[in-house]
Amino acid sequence: AKPYFTSGQSGQLKPMSLGGVQVDRKSVY
């Protein structure tokens, strides 16, 4: 539905919450 990652003001990457689901890379597939 949306890109998995974004960068905050600090430039640090963080997972996005997709429809209330916090994405864990290990559960992507």
PDB file of all heavy atoms in Angstrom:
ATOM      1  N   ALA A   1       0.805  -1.209   0.000  1.00  0.00           N
ATOM      2  CA  ALA A   1       0.000   0.000   0.000  1.00  0.00           C
ATOM      3  C   ALA A   1       0.844   1.267   0.000  1.00  0.00           C
ATOM      4  O   ALA A   1       0.502   2.255  -0.623  1.00  0.00           O
ATOM      5  CB  ALA A   1      -0.940   0.002   1.210  1.00  0.00           C
ATOM      6  N   LYS A   2       1.983   1.242   0.715  1.00  0.00           N
ATOM      7  CA  LYS A   2       2.838   2.418   0.833  1.00  0.00           C
ATOM      8  C   LYS A   2       4.295   1.984   0.843  1.00  0.00           C
ATOM      9  O   LYS A   2       4.597   0.829   1.111  1.00  0.00           O
ATOM     10  CB  LYS A   2       2.539   3.166   2.142  1.00  0.00           C
ATOM     11  CG  LYS A   2       1.130   3.717   2.256  1.00  0.00           C
ATOM     12  CD  LYS A   2       0.960   4.415   3.591  1.00  0.00           C
ATOM     13  CE  LYS A   2      -0.461   4.950   3.770  1.00  0.00           C
ATOM     14  NZ  LYS A   2      -0.629   5.611   5.077  1.00  0.00           N
ATOM     15  N   PRO A   3       5.221   2.934   0.572  1.00  0.00           N
ATOM     16  CA  PRO A   3       6.639   2.591   0.712  1.00  0.00           C
ATOM     17  C   PRO A   3       6.934   2.132   2.134  1.00  0.00           C
ATOM     18  O   PRO A   3       6.371   2.641   3.094  1.00  0.00           O
ATOM     19  CB  PRO A   3       7.357   3.906   0.392  1.00  0.00           C
ATOM     20  CG  PRO A   3       6.379   4.679  -0.426  1.00  0.00           C
ATOM     21  CD  PRO A   3       5.014   4.294   0.098  1.00  0.00           C
ATOM     22  N   TYR A   4       7.835   1.155   2.248  1.00  0.00           N
ATOM     23  CA  TYR A   4       8.134   0.563   3.541  1.00  0.00           C
ATOM     24  C   TYR A   4       8.924   1.482   4.437  1.00  0.00           C
ATOM     25  O   TYR A   4       8.781   1.467   5.642  1.00  0.00           O
ATOM     26  CB  TYR A   4       8.921  -0.738   3.309  1.00  0.00           C
ATOM     27  CG  TYR A   4       9.543  -1.349   4.527  1.00  0.00           C
ATOM     28  CD1 TYR A   4       8.810  -1.534   5.699  1.00  0.00           C
ATOM     29  CD2 TYR A   4      10.868  -1.732   4.511  1.00  0.00           C
ATOM     30  CE1 TYR A   4       9.388  -2.112   6.811  1.00  0.00           C
ATOM     31  CE2 TYR A   4      11.444  -2.317   5.624  1.00  0.00           C
ATOM     32  CZ  TYR A   4      10.702  -2.494   6.776  1.00  0.00           C
ATOM     33  OH  TYR A   4      11.284  -3.059   7.864  1.00  0.00           O
ATOM     34  N   PHE A   5       9.789   2.328   3.848  1.00  0.00           N
ATOM     35  CA  PHE A   5      10.675   3.091   4.693  1.00  0.00           C
ATOM     36  C   PHE A   5      10.582   4.580   4.396  1.00  0.00           C
ATOM     37  O   PHE A   5      10.182   5.008   3.338  1.00  0.00           O
ATOM     38  CB  PHE A   5      12.119   2.619   4.551  1.00  0.00           C
ATOM     39  CG  PHE A   5      12.647   2.691   3.149  1.00  0.00           C
ATOM     40  CD1 PHE A   5      13.374   3.782   2.733  1.00  0.00           C
ATOM     41  CD2 PHE A   5      12.428   1.662   2.255  1.00  0.00           C
ATOM     42  CE1 PHE A   5      13.875   3.847   1.456  1.00  0.00           C
ATOM     43  CE2 PHE A   5      12.925   1.727   0.965  1.00  0.00           C
ATOM     44  CZ  PHE A   5      13.654   2.827   0.564  1.00  0.00           C
ATOM     45  N   THR A   6      10.960   5.380   5.360  1.00  0.00           N
ATOM     46  CA  THR A   6      10.987   6.822   5.222  1.00  0.00           C
ATOM     47  C   THR A   6      12.127   7.341   6.065  1.00  0.00           C
ATOM     48  O   THR A   6      12.710   6.631   6.866  1.00  0.00           O
ATOM     49  CB  THR A   6       9.650   7.450   5.664  1.00  0.00           C
ATOM     50  OG1 THR A   6       9.680   8.845   5.376  1.00  0.00           O
ATOM     51  CG2 THR A   6       9.408   7.259   7.154  1.00  0.00           C
ATOM     52  N   SER A   7      12.481   8.582   5.901  1.00  0.00           N
ATOM     53  CA  SER A   7      13.522   9.170   6.729  1.00  0.00           C
ATOM     54  C   SER A   7      12.940  10.348   7.482  1.00  0.00           C
ATOM     55  O   SER A   7      12.245  11.189   6.925  1.00  0.00           O
ATOM     56  CB  SER A   7      14.707   9.622   5.882  1.00  0.00           C
ATOM     57  OG  SER A   7      14.288  10.527   4.887  1.00  0.00           O
ATOM     58  N   GLY A   8      13.213  10.387   8.774  1.00  0.00           N
ATOM     59  CA  GLY A   8      12.743  11.475   9.591  1.00  0.00           C
ATOM     60  C   GLY A   8      13.644  12.690   9.458  1.00  0.00           C
ATOM     61  O   GLY A   8      14.551  12.729   8.623  1.00  0.00           O
ATOM     62  N   GLN A   9      13.419  13.698  10.298  1.00  0.00           N
ATOM     63  CA  GLN A   9      14.215  14.913  10.215  1.00  0.00           C
ATOM     64  C   GLN A   9      15.691  14.639  10.452  1.00  0.00           C
ATOM     65  O   GLN A   9      16.558  15.340   9.947  1.00  0.00           O
ATOM     66  CB  GLN A   9      13.696  15.921  11.232  1.00  0.00           C
ATOM     67  CG  GLN A   9      12.312  16.452  10.884  1.00  0.00           C
ATOM     68  CD  GLN A   9      11.842  17.492  11.872  1.00  0.00           C
ATOM     69  OE1 GLN A   9      12.409  17.637  12.946  1.00  0.00           O
ATOM     70  NE2 GLN A   9      10.816  18.225  11.507  1.00  0.00           N
ATOM     71  N   SER A  10      15.983  13.629  11.234  1.00  0.00           N
ATOM     72  CA  SER A  10      17.369  13.286  11.526  1.00  0.00           C
ATOM     73  C   SER A  10      18.028  12.522  10.386  1.00  0.00           C
ATOM     74  O   SER A  10      19.220  12.289  10.399  1.00  0.00           O
ATOM     75  CB  SER A  10      17.444  12.422  12.796  1.00  0.00           C
ATOM     76  OG  SER A  10      16.819  11.178  12.562  1.00  0.00           O
ATOM     77  N   GLY A  11      17.236  12.111   9.376  1.00  0.00           N
ATOM     78  CA  GLY A  11      17.774  11.321   8.280  1.00  0.00           C
ATOM     79  C   GLY A  11      17.833   9.840   8.583  1.00  0.00           C
ATOM     80  O   GLY A  11      18.266   9.049   7.773  1.00  0.00           O
ATOM     81  N   GLN A  12      17.359   9.439   9.786  1.00  0.00           N
ATOM     82  CA  GLN A  12      17.408   8.030  10.181  1.00  0.00           C
ATOM     83  C   GLN A  12      16.230   7.291   9.567  1.00  0.00           C
ATOM     84  O   GLN A  12      15.100   7.756   9.586  1.00  0.00           O
ATOM     85  CB  GLN A  12      17.337   7.918  11.699  1.00  0.00           C
ATOM     86  CG  GLN A  12      17.429   6.483  12.166  1.00  0.00           C
ATOM     87  CD  GLN A  12      18.520   6.316  13.191  1.00  0.00           C
ATOM     88  OE1 GLN A  12      19.024   7.262  13.730  1.00  0.00           O
ATOM     89  NE2 GLN A  12      18.880   5.089  13.458  1.00  0.00           N
ATOM     90  N   LEU A  13      16.503   6.118   9.009  1.00  0.00           N
ATOM     91  CA  LEU A  13      15.442   5.319   8.414  1.00  0.00           C
ATOM     92  C   LEU A  13      14.619   4.647   9.484  1.00  0.00           C
ATOM     93  O   LEU A  13      15.137   4.221  10.518  1.00  0.00           O
ATOM     94  CB  LEU A  13      16.030   4.260   7.487  1.00  0.00           C
ATOM     95  CG  LEU A  13      16.664   4.818   6.204  1.00  0.00           C
ATOM     96  CD1 LEU A  13      17.394   3.714   5.491  1.00  0.00           C
ATOM     97  CD2 LEU A  13      15.614   5.416   5.321  1.00  0.00           C
ATOM     98  N   LYS A  14      13.321   4.536   9.254  1.00  0.00           N
ATOM     99  CA  LYS A  14      12.452   3.861  10.210  1.00  0.00           C
ATOM    100  C   LYS A  14      11.321   3.181   9.453  1.00  0.00           C
ATOM    101  O   LYS A  14      10.898   3.642   8.396  1.00  0.00           O
ATOM    102  CB  LYS A  14      11.885   4.857  11.203  1.00  0.00           C
ATOM    103  CG  LYS A  14      11.119   6.013  10.558  1.00  0.00           C
ATOM    104  CD  LYS A  14      10.698   7.042  11.584  1.00  0.00           C
ATOM    105  CE  LYS A  14       9.949   8.202  10.915  1.00  0.00           C
ATOM    106  NZ  LYS A  14       9.538   9.227  11.888  1.00  0.00           N
ATOM    107  N   PRO A  15      10.799   2.057   9.976  1.00  0.00           N
ATOM    108  CA  PRO A  15       9.663   1.407   9.331  1.00  0.00           C
ATOM    109  C   PRO A  15       8.438   2.297   9.395  1.00  0.00           C
ATOM    110  O   PRO A  15       8.276   3.084  10.328  1.00  0.00           O
ATOM    111  CB  PRO A  15       9.464   0.131  10.162  1.00  0.00           C
ATOM    112  CG  PRO A  15      10.727  -0.052  10.915  1.00  0.00           C
ATOM    113  CD  PRO A  15      11.269   1.330  11.145  1.00  0.00           C
ATOM    114  N   MET A  16       7.572   2.167   8.389  1.00  0.00           N
ATOM    115  CA  MET A  16       6.315   2.894   8.407  1.00  0.00           C
ATOM    116  C   MET A  16       5.219   1.993   8.932  1.00  0.00           C
ATOM    117  O   MET A  16       5.250   0.776   8.779  1.00  0.00           O
ATOM    118  CB  MET A  16       5.965   3.367   6.999  1.00  0.00           C
ATOM    119  CG  MET A  16       6.925   4.377   6.428  1.00  0.00           C
ATOM    120  SD  MET A  16       6.431   4.944   4.797  1.00  0.00           S
ATOM    121  CE  MET A  16       4.985   5.899   5.209  1.00  0.00           C
ATOM    122  N   SER A  17       4.219   2.586   9.564  1.00  0.00           N
ATOM    123  CA  SER A  17       3.051   1.847  10.004  1.00  0.00           C
ATOM    124  C   SER A  17       2.065   1.811   8.852  1.00  0.00           C
ATOM    125  O   SER A  17       1.588   2.839   8.405  1.00  0.00           O
ATOM    126  CB  SER A  17       2.421   2.529  11.219  1.00  0.00           C
ATOM    127  OG  SER A  17       1.257   1.851  11.612  1.00  0.00           O
ATOM    128  N   LEU A  18       1.793   0.635   8.340  1.00  0.00           N
ATOM    129  CA  LEU A  18       0.925   0.496   7.180  1.00  0.00           C
ATOM    130  C   LEU A  18      -0.443  -0.001   7.628  1.00  0.00           C
ATOM    131  O   LEU A  18      -0.609  -1.161   7.958  1.00  0.00           O
ATOM    132  CB  LEU A  18       1.536  -0.476   6.177  1.00  0.00           C
ATOM    133  CG  LEU A  18       2.978  -0.155   5.738  1.00  0.00           C
ATOM    134  CD1 LEU A  18       3.416  -1.151   4.679  1.00  0.00           C
ATOM    135  CD2 LEU A  18       3.081   1.255   5.226  1.00  0.00           C
ATOM    136  N   GLY A  19      -1.405   0.892   7.638  1.00  0.00           N
ATOM    137  CA  GLY A  19      -2.745   0.501   8.031  1.00  0.00           C
ATOM    138  C   GLY A  19      -2.797  -0.040   9.454  1.00  0.00           C
ATOM    139  O   GLY A  19      -3.549  -0.959   9.747  1.00  0.00           O
ATOM    140  N   GLY A  20      -1.985   0.541  10.317  1.00  0.00           N
ATOM    141  CA  GLY A  20      -1.972   0.100  11.702  1.00  0.00           C
ATOM    142  C   GLY A  20      -1.069  -1.083  11.963  1.00  0.00           C
ATOM    143  O   GLY A  20      -0.933  -1.533  13.092  1.00  0.00           O
ATOM    144  N   VAL A  21      -0.420  -1.605  10.910  1.00  0.00           N
ATOM    145  CA  VAL A  21       0.478  -2.760  11.062  1.00  0.00           C
ATOM    146  C   VAL A  21       1.905  -2.274  11.013  1.00  0.00           C
ATOM    147  O   VAL A  21       2.329  -1.671  10.023  1.00  0.00           O
ATOM    148  CB  VAL A  21       0.239  -3.798   9.941  1.00  0.00           C
ATOM    149  CG1 VAL A  21       1.210  -4.953  10.074  1.00  0.00           C
ATOM    150  CG2 VAL A  21      -1.198  -4.280   9.970  1.00  0.00           C
ATOM    151  N   GLN A  22       2.669  -2.485  12.080  1.00  0.00           N
ATOM    152  CA  GLN A  22       4.075  -2.126  12.077  1.00  0.00           C
ATOM    153  C   GLN A  22       4.843  -3.187  11.302  1.00  0.00           C
ATOM    154  O   GLN A  22       4.742  -4.380  11.588  1.00  0.00           O
ATOM    155  CB  GLN A  22       4.617  -2.041  13.512  1.00  0.00           C
ATOM    156  CG  GLN A  22       6.036  -1.514  13.591  1.00  0.00           C
ATOM    157  CD  GLN A  22       6.125  -0.036  13.256  1.00  0.00           C
ATOM    158  OE1 GLN A  22       5.151   0.664  13.297  1.00  0.00           O
ATOM    159  NE2 GLN A  22       7.312   0.423  12.905  1.00  0.00           N
ATOM    160  N   VAL A  23       5.599  -2.763  10.301  1.00  0.00           N
ATOM    161  CA  VAL A  23       6.257  -3.691   9.406  1.00  0.00           C
ATOM    162  C   VAL A  23       7.537  -4.230  10.038  1.00  0.00           C
ATOM    163  O   VAL A  23       8.373  -3.488  10.501  1.00  0.00           O
ATOM    164  CB  VAL A  23       6.598  -3.007   8.065  1.00  0.00           C
ATOM    165  CG1 VAL A  23       7.349  -3.968   7.163  1.00  0.00           C
ATOM    166  CG2 VAL A  23       5.340  -2.523   7.395  1.00  0.00           C
ATOM    167  N   ASP A  24       7.654  -5.533  10.033  1.00  0.00           N
ATOM    168  CA  ASP A  24       8.875  -6.222  10.433  1.00  0.00           C
ATOM    169  C   ASP A  24       9.417  -6.878   9.170  1.00  0.00           C
ATOM    170  O   ASP A  24       8.723  -7.663   8.534  1.00  0.00           O
ATOM    171  CB  ASP A  24       8.564  -7.265  11.494  1.00  0.00           C
ATOM    172  CG  ASP A  24       9.785  -8.104  11.882  1.00  0.00           C
ATOM    173  OD1 ASP A  24      10.851  -7.945  11.275  1.00  0.00           O
ATOM    174  OD2 ASP A  24       9.637  -8.907  12.794  1.00  0.00           O
ATOM    175  N   ARG A  25      10.671  -6.543   8.762  1.00  0.00           N
ATOM    176  CA  ARG A  25      11.207  -7.057   7.508  1.00  0.00           C
ATOM    177  C   ARG A  25      11.151  -8.573   7.439  1.00  0.00           C
ATOM    178  O   ARG A  25      10.953  -9.177   6.405  1.00  0.00           O
ATOM    179  CB  ARG A  25      12.654  -6.596   7.324  1.00  0.00           C
ATOM    180  CG  ARG A  25      13.258  -7.025   6.012  1.00  0.00           C
ATOM    181  CD  ARG A  25      14.584  -6.353   5.783  1.00  0.00           C
ATOM    182  NE  ARG A  25      15.561  -6.694   6.797  1.00  0.00           N
ATOM    183  CZ  ARG A  25      16.303  -7.794   6.761  1.00  0.00           C
ATOM    184  NH1 ARG A  25      16.170  -8.641   5.756  1.00  0.00           N
ATOM    185  NH2 ARG A  25      17.197  -8.039   7.691  1.00  0.00           N
ATOM    186  N   LYS A  26      11.283  -9.241   8.580  1.00  0.00           N
ATOM    187  CA  LYS A  26      11.284 -10.696   8.582  1.00  0.00           C
ATOM    188  C   LYS A  26       9.924 -11.290   8.250  1.00  0.00           C
ATOM    189  O   LYS A  26       9.798 -12.443   7.899  1.00  0.00           O
ATOM    190  CB  LYS A  26      11.740 -11.218   9.948  1.00  0.00           C
ATOM    191  CG  LYS A  26      13.195 -10.891  10.274  1.00  0.00           C
ATOM    192  CD  LYS A  26      13.581 -11.415  11.641  1.00  0.00           C
ATOM    193  CE  LYS A  26      15.019 -11.048  11.972  1.00  0.00           C
ATOM    194  NZ  LYS A  26      15.391 -11.532  13.333  1.00  0.00           N
ATOM    195  N   SER A  27       8.875 -10.454   8.358  1.00  0.00           N
ATOM    196  CA  SER A  27       7.528 -10.977   8.089  1.00  0.00           C
ATOM    197  C   SER A  27       6.982 -10.493   6.754  1.00  0.00           C
ATOM    198  O   SER A  27       5.810 -10.656   6.478  1.00  0.00           O
ATOM    199  CB  SER A  27       6.583 -10.530   9.220  1.00  0.00           C
ATOM    200  OG  SER A  27       6.381  -9.137   9.185  1.00  0.00           O
ATOM    201  N   VAL A  28       7.843  -9.907   5.931  1.00  0.00           N
ATOM    202  CA  VAL A  28       7.364  -9.353   4.670  1.00  0.00           C
ATOM    203  C   VAL A  28       6.812 -10.415   3.742  1.00  0.00           C
ATOM    204  O   VAL A  28       5.812 -10.219   3.066  1.00  0.00           O
ATOM    205  CB  VAL A  28       8.503  -8.573   3.973  1.00  0.00           C
ATOM    206  CG1 VAL A  28       8.133  -8.250   2.541  1.00  0.00           C
ATOM    207  CG2 VAL A  28       8.798  -7.296   4.732  1.00  0.00           C
ATOM    208  N   TYR A  29       7.444 -11.580   3.704  1.00  0.00           N
ATOM    209  CA  TYR A  29       7.081 -12.593   2.719  1.00  0.00           C
ATOM    210  C   TYR A  29       6.238 -13.711   3.312  1.00  0.00           C
ATOM    211  O   TYR A  29       6.430 -14.109   4.449  1.00  0.00           O
ATOM    212  CB  TYR A  29       8.355 -13.170   2.072  1.00  0.00           C
ATOM    213  CG  TYR A  29       9.067 -12.105   1.323  1.00  0.00           C
ATOM    214  CD1 TYR A  29      10.104 -11.408   1.924  1.00  0.00           C
ATOM    215  CD2 TYR A  29       8.663 -11.736   0.051  1.00  0.00           C
ATOM    216  CE1 TYR A  29      10.731 -10.378   1.258  1.00  0.00           C
ATOM    217  CE2 TYR A  29       9.297 -10.710  -0.616  1.00  0.00           C
ATOM    218  CZ  TYR A  29      10.316 -10.039  -0.023  1.00  0.00           C
ATOM    219  OH  TYR A  29      10.932  -9.011  -0.671  1.00  0.00           O
TER     220      TYR A  29
END
